[in-house]
Amino acid sequence: LVRLVEVNCRQHNTDFSPLTNACIGYGALDMVLAAHLGGDEHYNYPPEMERFRLNWDSVPTMPSIRAKGAILHFVSYVEGKISRIR
């Protein structure tokens, strides 16, 4: 059985995990671990970590969206404080 997970990660030095967890309930790293360990009944998770286990067989083909989210990167070419936003 072969499982392929396309991670396509360009993290931009940003922690995307809270955003992906809030929006779809899991992230790319969760899927990689689920593909490797998720369906293996012989792998024993520590009891305190079992609730975090993502079972590969339960991962949908298309994720359902719980919330919408975005990470924004702002670039400013001037120094100073923002006094107002229109």
Protein backbone atom coordinates (compact mmCIF):
# COMPACT_ATOMS: atom_id res chain seq x y z
CA LEU A 1 0.00 0.00 0.00
CA VAL A 2 1.47 3.35 -1.07
CA ARG A 3 0.31 6.66 0.34
CA LEU A 4 1.37 9.99 -1.12
CA VAL A 5 0.90 13.29 0.68
CA GLU A 6 1.85 16.44 -1.21
CA VAL A 7 3.03 18.84 1.46
CA ASN A 8 4.03 21.75 -0.79
CA CYS A 9 5.29 23.69 2.20
CA ARG A 10 6.75 27.12 1.87
CA GLN A 11 6.26 28.18 5.45
CA HIS A 12 7.64 31.72 5.13
CA ASN A 13 8.93 31.37 8.69
CA THR A 14 5.32 31.36 9.90
CA ASP A 15 3.51 28.85 12.11
CA PHE A 16 0.55 27.77 9.97
CA SER A 17 -0.56 25.02 12.33
CA PRO A 18 -3.04 27.09 14.41
CA LEU A 19 -4.61 28.49 11.22
CA THR A 20 -5.01 25.14 9.46
CA ASN A 21 -6.29 23.49 12.64
CA ALA A 22 -8.92 26.22 13.04
CA CYS A 23 -9.94 26.19 9.36
CA ILE A 24 -10.03 22.46 8.52
CA GLY A 25 -9.09 20.66 11.74
CA TYR A 26 -5.66 19.34 10.71
CA GLY A 27 -2.56 20.31 8.76
CA ALA A 28 0.02 18.90 6.37
CA LEU A 29 2.21 17.48 9.14
CA ASP A 30 -0.82 15.72 10.66
CA MET A 31 -1.51 14.14 7.26
CA VAL A 32 2.09 13.00 6.82
CA LEU A 33 2.01 11.33 10.24
CA ALA A 34 -1.41 9.83 9.53
CA ALA A 35 -0.18 8.45 6.20
CA HIS A 36 2.77 6.87 7.95
CA LEU A 37 1.17 5.79 11.25
CA GLY A 38 -2.56 6.52 11.02
CA GLY A 39 -3.88 3.18 9.83
CA ASP A 40 -1.32 1.08 11.69
CA GLU A 41 -3.19 -0.71 14.44
CA HIS A 42 0.10 -2.07 15.78
CA TYR A 43 1.53 1.36 16.58
CA ASN A 44 0.67 2.30 20.15
CA TYR A 45 0.33 5.99 20.77
CA PRO A 46 1.03 7.16 24.31
CA PRO A 47 -2.37 7.34 26.09
CA GLU A 48 -2.15 11.11 26.52
CA MET A 49 -1.59 11.57 22.76
CA GLU A 50 -4.25 9.19 21.40
CA ARG A 51 -6.86 11.96 21.13
CA PHE A 52 -4.58 13.84 18.70
CA ARG A 53 -4.27 10.87 16.34
CA LEU A 54 -5.53 11.53 12.80
CA ASN A 55 -6.63 8.26 11.25
CA TRP A 56 -5.59 8.17 7.59
CA ASP A 57 -8.73 6.30 6.57
CA SER A 58 -10.91 9.10 7.96
CA VAL A 59 -9.15 11.91 6.04
CA PRO A 60 -11.60 13.14 3.38
CA THR A 61 -10.61 13.58 -0.27
CA MET A 62 -11.66 17.22 -0.02
CA PRO A 63 -11.50 18.86 3.41
CA SER A 64 -14.59 20.51 4.81
CA ILE A 65 -14.05 24.10 5.80
CA ARG A 66 -14.83 25.04 9.41
CA ALA A 67 -13.70 28.65 9.07
CA LYS A 68 -11.94 30.94 6.63
CA GLY A 69 -8.52 32.27 7.43
CA ALA A 70 -5.49 34.02 5.97
CA ILE A 71 -1.98 34.92 6.94
CA LEU A 72 -0.96 38.34 5.73
CA HIS A 73 2.57 39.62 5.27
CA PHE A 74 2.82 43.40 5.23
CA VAL A 75 5.77 45.25 3.73
CA SER A 76 6.46 48.86 4.52
CA TYR A 77 9.11 50.96 2.85
CA VAL A 78 8.86 53.72 5.44
CA GLU A 79 9.45 53.79 9.18
CA GLY A 80 6.88 55.11 11.62
CA LYS A 81 3.66 54.42 13.48
CA ILE A 82 0.31 53.74 11.86
CA SER A 83 -1.95 56.61 12.91
CA ARG A 84 -5.11 55.61 11.06
CA ILE A 85 -6.49 53.13 8.58
CA ARG A 86 -9.05 54.14 5.98
